[in-house]
Amino acid sequence: MPTDIQTLIDGLVEDLQPSRAMTLRRGLVIASGSAALTVGAVALFFGVRPDLIAANPNPVFLLATGLFLILGVAASFTVIGMSRPQVGSTHVGWAWAVAMAALLPLSAAVMGFVNQGNTFFQSQPTQGINCLTNGGLLGLIVGGALTFWLRRGAPTSPEQAGLLTGLAAGSLGIFAYSLHCPFDDIYHIGIWHSLAVAVSAFAGRAIVPALIRW
């Protein structure tokens, strides 16, 4: 063992290599690139809705997919920021996006109550299972990219980071699959598309923290 302090320090740092700074710009490039890859996968393997190709989308489709996109972007931006902790920083902006997206399942519940119908059967459950499954699988692209980013950083709240990683993955995954899903009714979107986001968020909360602890 070296007895000289400077020799000891030199021995500890001589094999260290410089690492690239984790800038906000690089994080956004990774997140947006993974989201674009997700959309590309839908176009390649599933195909895009005919009304989008004809540039005549349904208004409900535009509203719902827009909310999921906003939620995915807000959660992704927060995750990127959480990898670079700063004194006094807060991460609450994503909560407003969650509140807006929550209007979709709430609207489905209200419409089902007002119309006295069976909301579940009106939601096209067979296709809903496909949306839930495929939206979740597509979300793994974004979720994997954000988890990789967090592993390189130092998130001080792994549990919240995991929840938001799953939230971003589910939101962008179902956003991408919505470009293929042919159903526009609020029952289907409010139940199955929202459920895909919720399941992904809980999965992220359960799985991601163990992968990013430092």
C-alpha atoms as a PDB file:
ATOM      1  CA  MET A   1       0.000   0.000   0.000  1.00  0.00           C
ATOM      2  CA  PRO A   2       1.399   3.431  -0.906  1.00  0.00           C
ATOM      3  CA  THR A   3       2.066   5.640   2.075  1.00  0.00           C
ATOM      4  CA  ASP A   4       2.282   8.933   0.217  1.00  0.00           C
ATOM      5  CA  ILE A   5      -1.157  10.555  -0.162  1.00  0.00           C
ATOM      6  CA  GLN A   6      -0.400  12.007  -3.599  1.00  0.00           C
ATOM      7  CA  THR A   7       0.833   8.613  -4.822  1.00  0.00           C
ATOM      8  CA  LEU A   8      -2.350   7.027  -3.546  1.00  0.00           C
ATOM      9  CA  ILE A   9      -4.500   9.608  -5.341  1.00  0.00           C
ATOM     10  CA  ASP A  10      -2.531   9.192  -8.566  1.00  0.00           C
ATOM     11  CA  GLY A  11      -3.002   5.450  -8.382  1.00  0.00           C
ATOM     12  CA  LEU A  12      -6.747   5.799  -7.959  1.00  0.00           C
ATOM     13  CA  VAL A  13      -7.272   8.171 -10.867  1.00  0.00           C
ATOM     14  CA  GLU A  14      -4.704   7.007 -13.410  1.00  0.00           C
ATOM     15  CA  ASP A  15      -7.177   4.655 -15.163  1.00  0.00           C
ATOM     16  CA  LEU A  16     -10.073   7.082 -15.208  1.00  0.00           C
ATOM     17  CA  GLN A  17     -11.353   8.256 -18.571  1.00  0.00           C
ATOM     18  CA  PRO A  18     -13.277  11.486 -19.244  1.00  0.00           C
ATOM     19  CA  SER A  19     -16.990  11.048 -19.883  1.00  0.00           C
ATOM     20  CA  ARG A  20     -19.275  13.130 -22.048  1.00  0.00           C
ATOM     21  CA  ALA A  21     -21.389  15.645 -20.196  1.00  0.00           C
ATOM     22  CA  MET A  22     -25.065  14.755 -19.755  1.00  0.00           C
ATOM     23  CA  THR A  23     -26.519  17.848 -21.357  1.00  0.00           C
ATOM     24  CA  LEU A  24     -30.210  18.524 -21.694  1.00  0.00           C
ATOM     25  CA  ARG A  25     -29.798  18.650 -25.452  1.00  0.00           C
ATOM     26  CA  ARG A  26     -28.324  15.141 -25.619  1.00  0.00           C
ATOM     27  CA  GLY A  27     -31.108  13.801 -23.441  1.00  0.00           C
ATOM     28  CA  LEU A  28     -33.744  15.364 -25.664  1.00  0.00           C
ATOM     29  CA  VAL A  29     -32.087  13.891 -28.749  1.00  0.00           C
ATOM     30  CA  ILE A  30     -32.188  10.413 -27.192  1.00  0.00           C
ATOM     31  CA  ALA A  31     -35.832  10.786 -26.125  1.00  0.00           C
ATOM     32  CA  SER A  32     -37.044  12.253 -29.410  1.00  0.00           C
ATOM     33  CA  GLY A  33     -35.047   9.712 -31.404  1.00  0.00           C
ATOM     34  CA  SER A  34     -36.602   6.797 -29.530  1.00  0.00           C
ATOM     35  CA  ALA A  35     -40.078   8.310 -29.975  1.00  0.00           C
ATOM     36  CA  ALA A  36     -39.486   8.711 -33.715  1.00  0.00           C
ATOM     37  CA  LEU A  37     -38.302   5.098 -33.874  1.00  0.00           C
ATOM     38  CA  THR A  38     -41.526   4.034 -32.156  1.00  0.00           C
ATOM     39  CA  VAL A  39     -43.662   5.891 -34.696  1.00  0.00           C
ATOM     40  CA  GLY A  40     -41.586   4.409 -37.509  1.00  0.00           C
ATOM     41  CA  ALA A  41     -42.152   0.905 -36.140  1.00  0.00           C
ATOM     42  CA  VAL A  42     -45.923   1.455 -36.221  1.00  0.00           C
ATOM     43  CA  ALA A  43     -45.822   2.717 -39.803  1.00  0.00           C
ATOM     44  CA  LEU A  44     -43.635  -0.197 -40.884  1.00  0.00           C
ATOM     45  CA  PHE A  45     -45.260  -3.122 -39.075  1.00  0.00           C
ATOM     46  CA  PHE A  46     -48.887  -2.022 -38.591  1.00  0.00           C
ATOM     47  CA  GLY A  47     -49.624   0.718 -41.102  1.00  0.00           C
ATOM     48  CA  VAL A  48     -51.149   4.168 -40.663  1.00  0.00           C
ATOM     49  CA  ARG A  49     -54.863   4.947 -40.446  1.00  0.00           C
ATOM     50  CA  PRO A  50     -56.439   5.824 -43.814  1.00  0.00           C
ATOM     51  CA  ASP A  51     -57.870   9.126 -42.517  1.00  0.00           C
ATOM     52  CA  LEU A  52     -54.376  10.273 -41.572  1.00  0.00           C
ATOM     53  CA  ILE A  53     -53.082   9.411 -45.004  1.00  0.00           C
ATOM     54  CA  ALA A  54     -55.991  11.383 -46.469  1.00  0.00           C
ATOM     55  CA  ALA A  55     -55.226  14.276 -44.071  1.00  0.00           C
ATOM     56  CA  ASN A  56     -58.769  14.115 -42.669  1.00  0.00           C
ATOM     57  CA  PRO A  57     -58.432  12.841 -39.074  1.00  0.00           C
ATOM     58  CA  ASN A  58     -61.279  12.544 -36.608  1.00  0.00           C
ATOM     59  CA  PRO A  59     -61.406  15.409 -34.029  1.00  0.00           C
ATOM     60  CA  VAL A  60     -61.614  12.976 -31.092  1.00  0.00           C
ATOM     61  CA  PHE A  61     -58.530  11.209 -32.418  1.00  0.00           C
ATOM     62  CA  LEU A  62     -56.638  14.494 -32.631  1.00  0.00           C
ATOM     63  CA  LEU A  63     -57.614  15.490 -29.100  1.00  0.00           C
ATOM     64  CA  ALA A  64     -56.764  12.139 -27.522  1.00  0.00           C
ATOM     65  CA  THR A  65     -53.477  11.561 -29.320  1.00  0.00           C
ATOM     66  CA  GLY A  66     -52.496  15.159 -28.621  1.00  0.00           C
ATOM     67  CA  LEU A  67     -53.040  14.657 -24.896  1.00  0.00           C
ATOM     68  CA  PHE A  68     -50.983  11.458 -24.865  1.00  0.00           C
ATOM     69  CA  LEU A  69     -48.226  13.184 -26.828  1.00  0.00           C
ATOM     70  CA  ILE A  70     -48.148  16.113 -24.392  1.00  0.00           C
ATOM     71  CA  LEU A  71     -48.046  13.719 -21.443  1.00  0.00           C
ATOM     72  CA  GLY A  72     -45.240  11.686 -23.021  1.00  0.00           C
ATOM     73  CA  VAL A  73     -43.175  14.776 -23.789  1.00  0.00           C
ATOM     74  CA  ALA A  74     -43.711  16.261 -20.308  1.00  0.00           C
ATOM     75  CA  ALA A  75     -42.764  13.011 -18.558  1.00  0.00           C
ATOM     76  CA  SER A  76     -39.725  12.488 -20.809  1.00  0.00           C
ATOM     77  CA  PHE A  77     -38.506  16.033 -20.195  1.00  0.00           C
ATOM     78  CA  THR A  78     -38.831  15.492 -16.447  1.00  0.00           C
ATOM     79  CA  VAL A  79     -36.944  12.189 -16.560  1.00  0.00           C
ATOM     80  CA  ILE A  80     -34.114  13.821 -18.477  1.00  0.00           C
ATOM     81  CA  GLY A  81     -33.928  16.570 -15.861  1.00  0.00           C
ATOM     82  CA  MET A  82     -33.963  14.073 -12.985  1.00  0.00           C
ATOM     83  CA  SER A  83     -30.738  12.509 -14.237  1.00  0.00           C
ATOM     84  CA  ARG A  84     -28.996  15.812 -13.491  1.00  0.00           C
ATOM     85  CA  PRO A  85     -30.146  16.715  -9.949  1.00  0.00           C
ATOM     86  CA  GLN A  86     -29.854  20.336  -8.881  1.00  0.00           C
ATOM     87  CA  VAL A  87     -30.469  22.059  -5.585  1.00  0.00           C
ATOM     88  CA  GLY A  88     -33.941  23.550  -5.472  1.00  0.00           C
ATOM     89  CA  SER A  89     -35.175  21.862  -8.640  1.00  0.00           C
ATOM     90  CA  THR A  90     -38.760  20.631  -8.687  1.00  0.00           C
ATOM     91  CA  HIS A  91     -40.483  18.176 -10.991  1.00  0.00           C
ATOM     92  CA  VAL A  92     -44.181  18.968 -11.016  1.00  0.00           C
ATOM     93  CA  GLY A  93     -44.931  20.028 -14.584  1.00  0.00           C
ATOM     94  CA  TRP A  94     -45.795  16.496 -15.627  1.00  0.00           C
ATOM     95  CA  ALA A  95     -48.624  16.388 -13.083  1.00  0.00           C
ATOM     96  CA  TRP A  96     -50.599  18.948 -15.100  1.00  0.00           C
ATOM     97  CA  ALA A  97     -50.240  16.768 -18.180  1.00  0.00           C
ATOM     98  CA  VAL A  98     -51.523  13.782 -16.173  1.00  0.00           C
ATOM     99  CA  ALA A  99     -54.532  15.849 -15.097  1.00  0.00           C
ATOM    100  CA  MET A 100     -55.332  16.713 -18.703  1.00  0.00           C
ATOM    101  CA  ALA A 101     -54.961  13.119 -19.919  1.00  0.00           C
ATOM    102  CA  ALA A 102     -57.151  11.921 -17.036  1.00  0.00           C
ATOM    103  CA  LEU A 103     -60.054  13.698 -18.722  1.00  0.00           C
ATOM    104  CA  LEU A 104     -60.183  10.842 -21.250  1.00  0.00           C
ATOM    105  CA  PRO A 105     -61.138   7.991 -18.858  1.00  0.00           C
ATOM    106  CA  LEU A 106     -63.258  10.430 -16.867  1.00  0.00           C
ATOM    107  CA  SER A 107     -65.183  11.388 -20.009  1.00  0.00           C
ATOM    108  CA  ALA A 108     -65.699   7.723 -20.876  1.00  0.00           C
ATOM    109  CA  ALA A 109     -67.102   7.066 -17.413  1.00  0.00           C
ATOM    110  CA  VAL A 110     -69.427  10.082 -17.563  1.00  0.00           C
ATOM    111  CA  MET A 111     -70.668   9.230 -21.051  1.00  0.00           C
ATOM    112  CA  GLY A 112     -71.333   5.645 -20.003  1.00  0.00           C
ATOM    113  CA  PHE A 113     -73.317   6.846 -16.988  1.00  0.00           C
ATOM    114  CA  VAL A 114     -75.328   9.408 -18.934  1.00  0.00           C
ATOM    115  CA  ASN A 115     -76.165   7.015 -21.765  1.00  0.00           C
ATOM    116  CA  GLN A 116     -76.833   4.162 -19.323  1.00  0.00           C
ATOM    117  CA  GLY A 117     -74.840   1.812 -21.517  1.00  0.00           C
ATOM    118  CA  ASN A 118     -72.256  -0.839 -20.852  1.00  0.00           C
ATOM    119  CA  THR A 119     -69.069   1.161 -21.148  1.00  0.00           C
ATOM    120  CA  PHE A 120     -66.834  -1.907 -21.260  1.00  0.00           C
ATOM    121  CA  PHE A 121     -68.560  -3.551 -24.229  1.00  0.00           C
ATOM    122  CA  GLN A 122     -68.872  -0.229 -26.013  1.00  0.00           C
ATOM    123  CA  SER A 123     -65.089   0.152 -25.749  1.00  0.00           C
ATOM    124  CA  GLN A 124     -64.365  -2.620 -28.303  1.00  0.00           C
ATOM    125  CA  PRO A 125     -62.554  -4.877 -25.797  1.00  0.00           C
ATOM    126  CA  THR A 126     -61.085  -7.239 -28.418  1.00  0.00           C
ATOM    127  CA  GLN A 127     -59.294  -4.405 -30.169  1.00  0.00           C
ATOM    128  CA  GLY A 128     -58.644  -2.841 -26.781  1.00  0.00           C
ATOM    129  CA  ILE A 129     -56.502  -5.793 -25.741  1.00  0.00           C
ATOM    130  CA  ASN A 130     -54.436  -5.277 -28.887  1.00  0.00           C
ATOM    131  CA  CYS A 131     -53.993  -1.602 -28.099  1.00  0.00           C
ATOM    132  CA  LEU A 132     -53.015  -2.367 -24.515  1.00  0.00           C
ATOM    133  CA  THR A 133     -50.485  -5.016 -25.581  1.00  0.00           C
ATOM    134  CA  ASN A 134     -48.986  -3.313 -28.611  1.00  0.00           C
ATOM    135  CA  GLY A 135     -48.915   0.124 -26.985  1.00  0.00           C
ATOM    136  CA  GLY A 136     -47.032  -1.344 -24.032  1.00  0.00           C
ATOM    137  CA  LEU A 137     -44.551  -3.188 -26.232  1.00  0.00           C
ATOM    138  CA  LEU A 138     -43.901  -0.117 -28.352  1.00  0.00           C
ATOM    139  CA  GLY A 139     -43.330   1.872 -25.183  1.00  0.00           C
ATOM    140  CA  LEU A 140     -40.355  -0.335 -24.374  1.00  0.00           C
ATOM    141  CA  ILE A 141     -38.359   1.570 -27.002  1.00  0.00           C
ATOM    142  CA  VAL A 142     -38.779   4.889 -25.214  1.00  0.00           C
ATOM    143  CA  GLY A 143     -38.608   3.256 -21.787  1.00  0.00           C
ATOM    144  CA  GLY A 144     -35.321   1.546 -22.620  1.00  0.00           C
ATOM    145  CA  ALA A 145     -33.793   4.780 -23.922  1.00  0.00           C
ATOM    146  CA  LEU A 146     -34.805   6.765 -20.834  1.00  0.00           C
ATOM    147  CA  THR A 147     -33.599   4.012 -18.494  1.00  0.00           C
ATOM    148  CA  PHE A 148     -30.238   4.037 -20.273  1.00  0.00           C
ATOM    149  CA  TRP A 149     -30.081   7.805 -19.773  1.00  0.00           C
ATOM    150  CA  LEU A 150     -30.915   7.528 -16.072  1.00  0.00           C
ATOM    151  CA  ARG A 151     -28.253   4.861 -15.539  1.00  0.00           C
ATOM    152  CA  ARG A 152     -25.637   7.325 -16.762  1.00  0.00           C
ATOM    153  CA  GLY A 153     -26.903  10.025 -14.409  1.00  0.00           C
ATOM    154  CA  ALA A 154     -27.610  10.312 -10.716  1.00  0.00           C
ATOM    155  CA  PRO A 155     -31.355  10.454 -10.027  1.00  0.00           C
ATOM    156  CA  THR A 156     -31.990  11.187  -6.375  1.00  0.00           C
ATOM    157  CA  SER A 157     -35.499   9.688  -6.428  1.00  0.00           C
ATOM    158  CA  PRO A 158     -35.323   6.351  -8.297  1.00  0.00           C
ATOM    159  CA  GLU A 159     -38.947   5.515  -7.508  1.00  0.00           C
ATOM    160  CA  GLN A 160     -40.316   8.702  -9.030  1.00  0.00           C
ATOM    161  CA  ALA A 161     -37.895   8.420 -11.939  1.00  0.00           C
ATOM    162  CA  GLY A 162     -39.140   4.887 -12.582  1.00  0.00           C
ATOM    163  CA  LEU A 163     -42.779   5.974 -12.452  1.00  0.00           C
ATOM    164  CA  LEU A 164     -42.173   8.815 -14.895  1.00  0.00           C
ATOM    165  CA  THR A 165     -40.130   6.598 -17.193  1.00  0.00           C
ATOM    166  CA  GLY A 166     -43.054   4.198 -17.407  1.00  0.00           C
ATOM    167  CA  LEU A 167     -45.464   7.089 -17.856  1.00  0.00           C
ATOM    168  CA  ALA A 168     -43.436   8.502 -20.737  1.00  0.00           C
ATOM    169  CA  ALA A 169     -43.029   5.083 -22.323  1.00  0.00           C
ATOM    170  CA  GLY A 170     -46.717   4.234 -22.102  1.00  0.00           C
ATOM    171  CA  SER A 171     -47.867   7.639 -23.346  1.00  0.00           C
ATOM    172  CA  LEU A 172     -45.575   7.717 -26.364  1.00  0.00           C
ATOM    173  CA  GLY A 173     -46.164   4.024 -27.051  1.00  0.00           C
ATOM    174  CA  ILE A 174     -49.941   4.416 -27.196  1.00  0.00           C
ATOM    175  CA  PHE A 175     -49.567   7.694 -29.084  1.00  0.00           C
ATOM    176  CA  ALA A 176     -47.649   5.832 -31.761  1.00  0.00           C
ATOM    177  CA  TYR A 177     -50.082   2.905 -31.875  1.00  0.00           C
ATOM    178  CA  SER A 178     -53.007   5.353 -32.096  1.00  0.00           C
ATOM    179  CA  LEU A 179     -51.716   6.223 -35.557  1.00  0.00           C
ATOM    180  CA  HIS A 180     -52.851   2.725 -36.536  1.00  0.00           C
ATOM    181  CA  CYS A 181     -55.832   2.058 -34.216  1.00  0.00           C
ATOM    182  CA  PRO A 182     -59.074   2.543 -36.225  1.00  0.00           C
ATOM    183  CA  PHE A 183     -61.340   3.376 -33.269  1.00  0.00           C
ATOM    184  CA  ASP A 184     -62.132   6.975 -32.341  1.00  0.00           C
ATOM    185  CA  ASP A 185     -64.890   6.628 -29.752  1.00  0.00           C
ATOM    186  CA  ILE A 186     -64.242   7.972 -26.282  1.00  0.00           C
ATOM    187  CA  TYR A 187     -65.071   4.626 -24.662  1.00  0.00           C
ATOM    188  CA  HIS A 188     -62.272   2.778 -26.433  1.00  0.00           C
ATOM    189  CA  ILE A 189     -59.704   5.535 -26.030  1.00  0.00           C
ATOM    190  CA  GLY A 190     -60.705   6.442 -22.486  1.00  0.00           C
ATOM    191  CA  ILE A 191     -60.447   2.857 -21.252  1.00  0.00           C
ATOM    192  CA  TRP A 192     -57.864   0.960 -23.275  1.00  0.00           C
ATOM    193  CA  HIS A 193     -55.467   3.668 -24.373  1.00  0.00           C
ATOM    194  CA  SER A 194     -55.470   5.175 -20.886  1.00  0.00           C
ATOM    195  CA  LEU A 195     -55.024   1.729 -19.367  1.00  0.00           C
ATOM    196  CA  ALA A 196     -51.916   1.174 -21.497  1.00  0.00           C
ATOM    197  CA  VAL A 197     -50.390   4.313 -19.973  1.00  0.00           C
ATOM    198  CA  ALA A 198     -51.363   3.344 -16.424  1.00  0.00           C
ATOM    199  CA  VAL A 199     -49.986  -0.201 -16.717  1.00  0.00           C
ATOM    200  CA  SER A 200     -46.733   1.097 -18.170  1.00  0.00           C
ATOM    201  CA  ALA A 201     -46.393   3.671 -15.377  1.00  0.00           C
ATOM    202  CA  PHE A 202     -46.826   1.050 -12.656  1.00  0.00           C
ATOM    203  CA  ALA A 203     -44.415  -1.295 -14.446  1.00  0.00           C
ATOM    204  CA  GLY A 204     -41.831   1.478 -14.590  1.00  0.00           C
ATOM    205  CA  ARG A 205     -42.290   2.187 -10.902  1.00  0.00           C
ATOM    206  CA  ALA A 206     -41.753  -1.489 -10.089  1.00  0.00           C
ATOM    207  CA  ILE A 207     -38.868  -2.312 -12.437  1.00  0.00           C
ATOM    208  CA  VAL A 208     -36.809   0.768 -13.266  1.00  0.00           C
ATOM    209  CA  PRO A 209     -35.602   1.796  -9.758  1.00  0.00           C
ATOM    210  CA  ALA A 210     -33.580  -1.419  -9.384  1.00  0.00           C
ATOM    211  CA  LEU A 211     -31.879  -0.697 -12.719  1.00  0.00           C
ATOM    212  CA  ILE A 212     -30.796   2.870 -11.980  1.00  0.00           C
ATOM    213  CA  ARG A 213     -29.715   2.857  -8.328  1.00  0.00           C
ATOM    214  CA  TRP A 214     -26.213   4.213  -7.753  1.00  0.00           C
END
